[in-house]
Amino acid sequence: MARNILVLGASYGSLLATKLLMAGHNATLVCRQKTADLINREGTEVRIKLRDEPTHRAIFSRDQPGRLDATPPQDVDVSKYDLVVLAMQEPQYANHTIRVLMIKIAEAGLPCLSLMNMPPLPYLKRIPALAGMDLDEAYTNASVWERFQPGLMSLCSPDPQAFRPPEEGANVLHVGLPTNFKAATFEDEAHNQLLRELEADIDAVRIDGHDVPVKLKVFDSLFVPLAKWSMLLTGNYRCITTGEPQSIRDAVHGDLELSRSIYEHVDAVARRLGADPSDQVPFEKYAKAAESLLKPSSAARAVASGAPFIERVDLLVRLIEDQLGMPNAEIDRTVKTVDARLGESIVPG
């Protein structure tokens, strides 16, 4: 049975949407009117490399069994959808029209699967050790999440690396590292059945007899998506420097032992919250993957371009570790660097 999925965010969100279309499901991308017009006119193109092939394949939405459309947030009818995917950057949810849509989604009681690096506050409330912590400071506008029931919010680790080529249209996405989306379950088993149905359908897709990378993998543990925190604090946020941004590879491999210590510290924080070592990714595997990440992280690129807000997983982790009594000087240093660079973007009134 074809499911109807609402995806907030037409850039990174088009990757999971394309996988859903290939599996025969329908997706609506929520984006600006100009981008929606482009997508409705031309469709989307996702470039991905199949295993053992030297070049990327172009996968066009118009060629898939599922149906794709795009719409601005004010035109969404939430009653049409079985699942909502949150694929925008966390600061974007503070936008007025997005906030209005989020209220409608929360009131409709729709299950939400977040693709953000920054876990939504309702998801964190599902983790007993975090439920009573004050973490609002890490969010652009924490009130956005107040209406959502924790059990209806899941988190999917956005491990695949992808970007919009700057010389291409807003409907093109290039996948640099085709790893898997790792999703935690919901509280309601009916919603978990939906997730596992999507997982199986995506897994079954073939192109010319070839398996297609970037799967949706569903895990019972709430902590599997949090494995991304160690990667973000070791690589992505350390791309942000007092000068020009550096690549993820250089951030990680510039001082491999320092990187290892940061990574293992964040892993230890997650274990204090309840994670099992089997929920986590070994540092060696991450360091190997980082060798191919030759661009600065999206957070570093945003800071370099003058963005006043970015997702602050660095600040979130620091708030958590401070309240656990596990401070770390390197993470403090990272947070101060990011704070300073964002402060440069604020023009005095």
Protein backbone atom coordinates (compact mmCIF):
# COMPACT_ATOMS: atom_id res chain seq x y z
CA MET A 1 0.00 0.00 0.00
CA ALA A 2 1.37 3.40 -0.99
CA ARG A 3 1.93 5.67 2.01
CA ASN A 4 1.79 9.46 1.88
CA ILE A 5 4.77 11.12 3.55
CA LEU A 6 5.12 14.84 4.28
CA VAL A 7 8.76 15.97 4.18
CA LEU A 8 9.65 19.37 5.61
CA GLY A 9 12.73 20.46 3.67
CA ALA A 10 13.35 19.96 -0.04
CA SER A 11 17.16 19.82 0.01
CA TYR A 12 18.37 17.01 2.28
CA GLY A 13 14.76 15.82 2.51
CA SER A 14 14.78 14.96 -1.19
CA LEU A 15 17.19 12.08 -0.48
CA LEU A 16 14.81 10.14 1.75
CA ALA A 17 11.88 11.26 -0.42
CA THR A 18 13.57 9.77 -3.48
CA LYS A 19 14.13 6.49 -1.66
CA LEU A 20 10.43 6.46 -0.73
CA LEU A 21 9.39 7.18 -4.33
CA MET A 22 11.58 4.33 -5.58
CA ALA A 23 9.77 2.04 -3.12
CA GLY A 24 6.35 3.11 -4.47
CA HIS A 25 5.34 5.60 -1.78
CA ASN A 26 4.28 9.22 -2.29
CA ALA A 27 6.05 12.27 -0.89
CA THR A 28 5.31 15.97 -0.57
CA LEU A 29 8.27 18.32 -0.08
CA VAL A 30 7.58 21.48 1.94
CA CYS A 31 9.71 24.40 0.77
CA ARG A 32 9.62 27.98 -0.56
CA GLN A 33 7.14 28.74 -3.34
CA LYS A 34 9.92 29.28 -5.92
CA THR A 35 11.50 25.91 -5.14
CA ALA A 36 8.08 24.21 -5.08
CA ASP A 37 7.31 25.59 -8.55
CA LEU A 38 10.64 24.26 -9.84
CA ILE A 39 10.10 20.80 -8.36
CA ASN A 40 6.49 20.58 -9.56
CA ARG A 41 7.67 21.56 -13.04
CA GLU A 42 10.85 19.51 -13.37
CA GLY A 43 10.89 17.03 -10.47
CA THR A 44 14.02 16.28 -8.44
CA GLU A 45 17.36 14.70 -9.28
CA VAL A 46 19.42 12.83 -6.72
CA ARG A 47 22.92 11.73 -7.72
CA ILE A 48 24.16 8.65 -5.93
CA LYS A 49 26.95 6.14 -6.51
CA LEU A 50 25.98 2.47 -6.57
CA ARG A 51 28.41 -0.01 -5.09
CA ASP A 52 31.26 -0.96 -7.46
CA GLU A 53 30.33 1.73 -9.98
CA PRO A 54 32.87 4.51 -10.68
CA THR A 55 30.43 7.36 -11.31
CA HIS A 56 27.22 8.67 -9.79
CA ARG A 57 23.83 7.72 -11.18
CA ALA A 58 21.16 10.38 -11.63
CA ILE A 59 17.85 9.27 -10.11
CA PHE A 60 14.92 11.38 -11.30
CA SER A 61 11.68 11.59 -9.32
CA ARG A 62 9.61 11.54 -12.51
CA ASP A 63 10.89 8.03 -13.33
CA GLN A 64 9.80 6.45 -10.02
CA PRO A 65 6.60 4.55 -9.19
CA GLY A 66 5.79 6.91 -6.31
CA ARG A 67 4.37 10.40 -6.80
CA LEU A 68 6.21 13.58 -5.78
CA ASP A 69 4.89 17.10 -5.34
CA ALA A 70 6.06 20.21 -3.51
CA THR A 71 4.23 22.98 -1.68
CA PRO A 72 4.85 26.00 0.54
CA PRO A 73 4.02 25.41 4.23
CA GLN A 74 0.84 27.48 4.27
CA ASP A 75 -0.79 25.21 1.67
CA VAL A 76 -0.27 21.87 3.45
CA ASP A 77 -3.34 19.78 4.35
CA VAL A 78 -1.98 17.59 7.16
CA SER A 79 -4.97 15.23 7.00
CA LYS A 80 -3.53 13.62 3.85
CA TYR A 81 -0.41 12.15 5.44
CA ASP A 82 0.63 9.03 7.35
CA LEU A 83 4.02 10.30 8.52
CA VAL A 84 5.92 13.58 8.77
CA VAL A 85 9.68 13.77 8.14
CA LEU A 86 11.45 16.78 9.67
CA ALA A 87 14.37 17.43 7.31
CA MET A 88 14.99 21.16 7.79
CA GLN A 89 17.78 22.64 9.88
CA GLU A 90 16.61 23.29 13.44
CA PRO A 91 16.66 27.13 13.19
CA GLN A 92 14.24 27.01 10.25
CA TYR A 93 11.41 25.78 12.49
CA ALA A 94 11.34 29.21 14.14
CA ASN A 95 10.03 30.71 10.88
CA HIS A 96 6.43 31.87 11.36
CA THR A 97 4.83 29.89 8.52
CA ILE A 98 6.72 26.74 9.55
CA ARG A 99 5.65 27.21 13.18
CA VAL A 100 2.01 27.44 12.11
CA LEU A 101 2.40 24.19 10.14
CA MET A 102 4.11 22.55 13.12
CA ILE A 103 1.13 23.44 15.33
CA LYS A 104 -1.18 21.72 12.80
CA ILE A 105 1.05 18.64 12.71
CA ALA A 106 1.15 18.41 16.52
CA GLU A 107 -2.61 18.86 16.85
CA ALA A 108 -3.23 16.17 14.21
CA GLY A 109 -1.20 13.68 16.28
CA LEU A 110 0.92 12.63 13.30
CA PRO A 111 4.06 10.59 13.98
CA CYS A 112 7.17 12.65 13.20
CA LEU A 113 10.53 11.25 12.13
CA SER A 114 13.28 13.85 12.55
CA LEU A 115 16.23 13.88 10.13
CA MET A 116 17.88 16.74 12.00
CA ASN A 117 21.29 16.46 13.59
CA MET A 118 19.66 18.40 16.43
CA PRO A 119 17.20 16.06 18.17
CA PRO A 120 13.79 17.67 18.80
CA LEU A 121 13.13 18.37 22.47
CA PRO A 122 10.15 15.95 22.66
CA TYR A 123 12.46 13.13 21.58
CA LEU A 124 14.93 13.92 24.34
CA LYS A 125 12.09 13.78 26.87
CA ARG A 126 11.73 10.08 25.98
CA ILE A 127 15.15 9.49 27.57
CA PRO A 128 14.64 9.40 31.36
CA ALA A 129 18.05 10.90 32.20
CA LEU A 130 17.29 13.91 29.98
CA ALA A 131 13.59 14.40 30.71
CA GLY A 132 14.21 16.78 33.61
CA MET A 133 17.22 18.64 32.20
CA ASP A 134 17.06 22.28 31.12
CA LEU A 135 18.24 22.17 27.50
CA ASP A 136 16.19 25.01 25.97
CA GLU A 137 19.25 27.25 25.55
CA ALA A 138 20.55 25.02 22.76
CA TYR A 139 17.46 25.63 20.59
CA THR A 140 16.69 28.62 18.41
CA ASN A 141 13.13 28.69 19.79
CA ALA A 142 12.33 25.86 22.18
CA SER A 143 8.62 26.76 22.25
CA VAL A 144 8.25 25.31 18.72
CA TRP A 145 8.30 21.83 20.28
CA GLU A 146 5.94 22.35 23.23
CA ARG A 147 2.80 20.89 21.61
CA PHE A 148 4.37 17.61 20.48
CA GLN A 149 3.81 14.37 22.39
CA PRO A 150 7.18 12.70 23.05
CA GLY A 151 5.91 9.27 22.00
CA LEU A 152 5.03 10.62 18.54
CA MET A 153 8.54 11.92 17.92
CA SER A 154 11.36 9.73 16.68
CA LEU A 155 14.88 10.53 15.54
CA CYS A 156 16.67 9.29 12.46
CA SER A 157 20.41 9.82 12.36
CA PRO A 158 21.18 11.71 9.13
CA ASP A 159 24.41 9.84 8.45
CA PRO A 160 24.38 10.10 4.63
CA GLN A 161 26.39 13.12 3.46
CA ALA A 162 24.79 15.12 0.66
CA PHE A 163 24.81 18.66 -0.70
CA ARG A 164 23.25 20.85 -3.35
CA PRO A 165 25.87 21.57 -6.05
CA PRO A 166 26.09 25.38 -6.10
CA GLU A 167 26.06 25.52 -9.89
CA GLU A 168 22.85 23.43 -10.12
CA GLY A 169 19.17 24.12 -9.50
CA ALA A 170 17.52 23.78 -6.09
CA ASN A 171 16.05 20.44 -7.21
CA VAL A 172 19.44 18.67 -7.49
CA LEU A 173 21.16 16.81 -4.64
CA HIS A 174 24.58 15.12 -4.78
CA VAL A 175 25.22 12.29 -2.30
CA GLY A 176 28.86 12.20 -1.23
CA LEU A 177 28.72 9.46 1.42
CA PRO A 178 25.84 6.99 0.84
CA THR A 179 25.47 5.56 4.35
CA ASN A 180 22.19 4.59 6.04
CA PHE A 181 19.50 6.50 7.88
CA LYS A 182 19.26 4.97 11.38
CA ALA A 183 15.84 5.49 12.98
CA ALA A 184 14.67 4.82 16.51
CA THR A 185 11.19 3.45 17.08
CA PHE A 186 8.09 5.31 18.27
CA GLU A 187 6.13 4.43 21.40
CA ASP A 188 3.11 3.16 19.43
CA GLU A 189 3.59 -0.21 17.71
CA ALA A 190 1.30 0.81 14.82
CA HIS A 191 3.71 3.62 13.98
CA ASN A 192 6.64 1.22 14.28
CA GLN A 193 4.92 -1.11 11.86
CA LEU A 194 4.77 1.78 9.37
CA LEU A 195 8.51 2.44 9.84
CA ARG A 196 9.38 -1.22 9.32
CA GLU A 197 7.16 -1.35 6.24
CA LEU A 198 9.06 1.60 4.75
CA GLU A 199 12.36 -0.04 5.77
CA ALA A 200 11.50 -3.27 3.95
CA ASP A 201 10.16 -1.52 0.84
CA ILE A 202 13.26 0.68 0.50
CA ASP A 203 15.53 -2.33 1.05
CA ALA A 204 13.85 -4.21 -1.82
CA VAL A 205 14.55 -1.54 -4.47
CA ARG A 206 16.97 -2.43 -7.27
CA ILE A 207 18.36 -0.51 -10.25
CA ASP A 208 19.34 -2.75 -13.18
CA GLY A 209 19.60 -5.58 -10.68
CA HIS A 210 21.90 -3.57 -8.40
CA ASP A 211 21.27 -2.81 -4.75
CA VAL A 212 20.74 0.90 -4.04
CA PRO A 213 22.61 2.38 -1.06
CA VAL A 214 21.14 4.68 1.61
CA LYS A 215 18.70 2.43 3.43
CA LEU A 216 16.29 3.18 6.25
CA LYS A 217 17.25 1.03 9.24
CA VAL A 218 14.95 0.83 12.28
CA PHE A 219 16.31 0.18 15.78
CA ASP A 220 14.56 -0.44 19.08
CA SER A 221 17.13 1.61 21.01
CA LEU A 222 16.55 5.34 21.48
CA PHE A 223 20.32 5.81 21.56
CA VAL A 224 21.35 4.57 18.11
CA PRO A 225 20.70 7.98 16.46
CA LEU A 226 22.71 9.69 19.21
CA ALA A 227 25.86 7.98 17.90
CA LYS A 228 25.98 10.93 15.48
CA TRP A 229 26.82 13.28 18.39
CA SER A 230 30.37 11.93 18.66
CA MET A 231 30.87 12.48 14.93
CA LEU A 232 29.47 16.00 15.02
CA LEU A 233 31.58 17.10 17.99
CA THR A 234 34.73 15.50 16.61
CA GLY A 235 34.37 16.62 12.99
CA ASN A 236 31.52 18.90 11.94
CA TYR A 237 31.75 21.60 14.62
CA ARG A 238 35.55 21.60 14.62
CA CYS A 239 35.36 22.63 10.95
CA ILE A 240 34.42 26.03 12.40
CA THR A 241 37.60 27.92 13.22
CA THR A 242 38.50 31.51 14.04
CA GLY A 243 39.47 31.87 10.37
CA GLU A 244 38.42 30.01 7.22
CA PRO A 245 36.45 26.76 7.69
CA GLN A 246 38.36 23.50 7.37
CA SER A 247 37.21 20.20 5.90
CA ILE A 248 35.84 17.43 8.08
CA ARG A 249 38.85 15.32 7.07
CA ASP A 250 41.27 17.97 8.29
CA ALA A 251 39.31 18.56 11.50
CA VAL A 252 39.48 14.85 12.34
CA HIS A 253 42.90 13.87 10.98
CA GLY A 254 44.80 17.05 11.87
CA ASP A 255 45.30 15.59 15.36
CA LEU A 256 43.93 12.07 15.36
CA GLU A 257 44.54 11.36 19.04
CA LEU A 258 42.80 14.57 20.13
CA SER A 259 39.91 13.63 17.85
CA ARG A 260 39.78 10.18 19.41
CA SER A 261 39.61 11.68 22.92
CA ILE A 262 36.70 13.97 21.99
CA TYR A 263 34.85 11.15 20.24
CA GLU A 264 35.26 8.75 23.15
CA HIS A 265 34.21 11.41 25.66
CA VAL A 266 30.93 12.05 23.83
CA ASP A 267 30.38 8.29 23.59
CA ALA A 268 30.87 8.14 27.37
CA VAL A 269 28.26 10.88 27.87
CA ALA A 270 25.77 8.87 25.81
CA ARG A 271 26.50 5.76 27.88
CA ARG A 272 25.83 7.73 31.07
CA LEU A 273 22.42 8.55 29.58
CA GLY A 274 21.73 4.86 28.97
CA ALA A 275 23.34 3.99 25.63
CA ASP A 276 24.90 0.58 25.13
CA PRO A 277 28.28 0.30 23.36
CA SER A 278 26.48 -1.67 20.62
CA ASP A 279 24.45 1.49 19.88
CA GLN A 280 27.63 3.36 18.99
CA VAL A 281 30.02 3.54 16.04
CA PRO A 282 33.71 2.77 16.69
CA PHE A 283 36.04 5.75 16.28
CA GLU A 284 38.13 3.86 13.71
CA LYS A 285 35.13 3.42 11.42
CA TYR A 286 34.26 7.12 11.67
CA ALA A 287 37.86 8.21 11.12
CA LYS A 288 38.02 6.06 7.98
CA ALA A 289 34.81 7.61 6.62
CA ALA A 290 36.11 11.10 7.43
CA GLU A 291 39.04 10.58 5.05
CA SER A 292 36.63 11.10 2.14
CA LEU A 293 34.85 14.16 3.61
CA LEU A 294 36.83 16.83 1.81
CA LYS A 295 34.44 19.75 2.34
CA PRO A 296 33.67 21.77 5.47
CA SER A 297 30.48 20.72 7.27
CA SER A 298 27.19 22.44 6.45
CA ALA A 299 27.38 24.16 9.84
CA ALA A 300 30.82 25.57 9.03
CA ARG A 301 29.71 26.72 5.58
CA ALA A 302 26.67 28.42 7.11
CA VAL A 303 28.81 30.26 9.67
CA ALA A 304 31.29 31.32 6.98
CA SER A 305 28.43 32.76 4.91
CA GLY A 306 27.22 34.86 7.86
CA ALA A 307 24.28 32.82 9.14
CA PRO A 308 23.13 34.14 12.55
CA PHE A 309 21.81 30.72 13.67
CA ILE A 310 22.84 27.12 13.11
CA GLU A 311 21.98 23.82 14.77
CA ARG A 312 23.81 23.75 18.10
CA VAL A 313 24.45 20.09 18.92
CA ASP A 314 27.78 21.29 20.33
CA LEU A 315 25.95 23.44 22.87
CA LEU A 316 23.39 20.71 23.57
CA VAL A 317 26.13 18.20 24.42
CA ARG A 318 27.92 20.73 26.60
CA LEU A 319 24.70 21.47 28.54
CA ILE A 320 24.13 17.74 29.05
CA GLU A 321 27.67 16.95 30.13
CA ASP A 322 27.72 19.90 32.53
CA GLN A 323 24.52 18.68 34.19
CA LEU A 324 26.01 15.18 34.39
CA GLY A 325 29.20 16.55 35.95
CA MET A 326 31.31 15.49 32.94
CA PRO A 327 32.83 18.72 31.57
CA ASN A 328 35.34 18.59 28.73
CA ALA A 329 37.78 21.40 27.88
CA GLU A 330 37.87 20.66 24.14
CA ILE A 331 34.09 20.78 23.83
CA ASP A 332 34.06 24.01 25.84
CA ARG A 333 36.59 25.40 23.37
CA THR A 334 34.46 24.36 20.40
CA VAL A 335 31.33 25.97 21.87
CA LYS A 336 33.20 29.23 22.53
CA THR A 337 34.53 29.30 18.96
CA VAL A 338 31.06 28.74 17.50
CA ASP A 339 29.54 31.33 19.84
CA ALA A 340 32.15 33.88 18.78
CA ARG A 341 31.67 33.27 15.07
CA LEU A 342 27.89 33.47 15.33
CA GLY A 343 28.27 36.65 17.38
CA GLU A 344 30.11 38.21 14.43
CA SER A 345 26.93 37.77 12.36
CA ILE A 346 24.78 39.82 14.74
CA VAL A 347 24.62 43.42 13.59
CA PRO A 348 24.15 45.84 16.53
CA GLY A 349 20.84 47.70 16.50
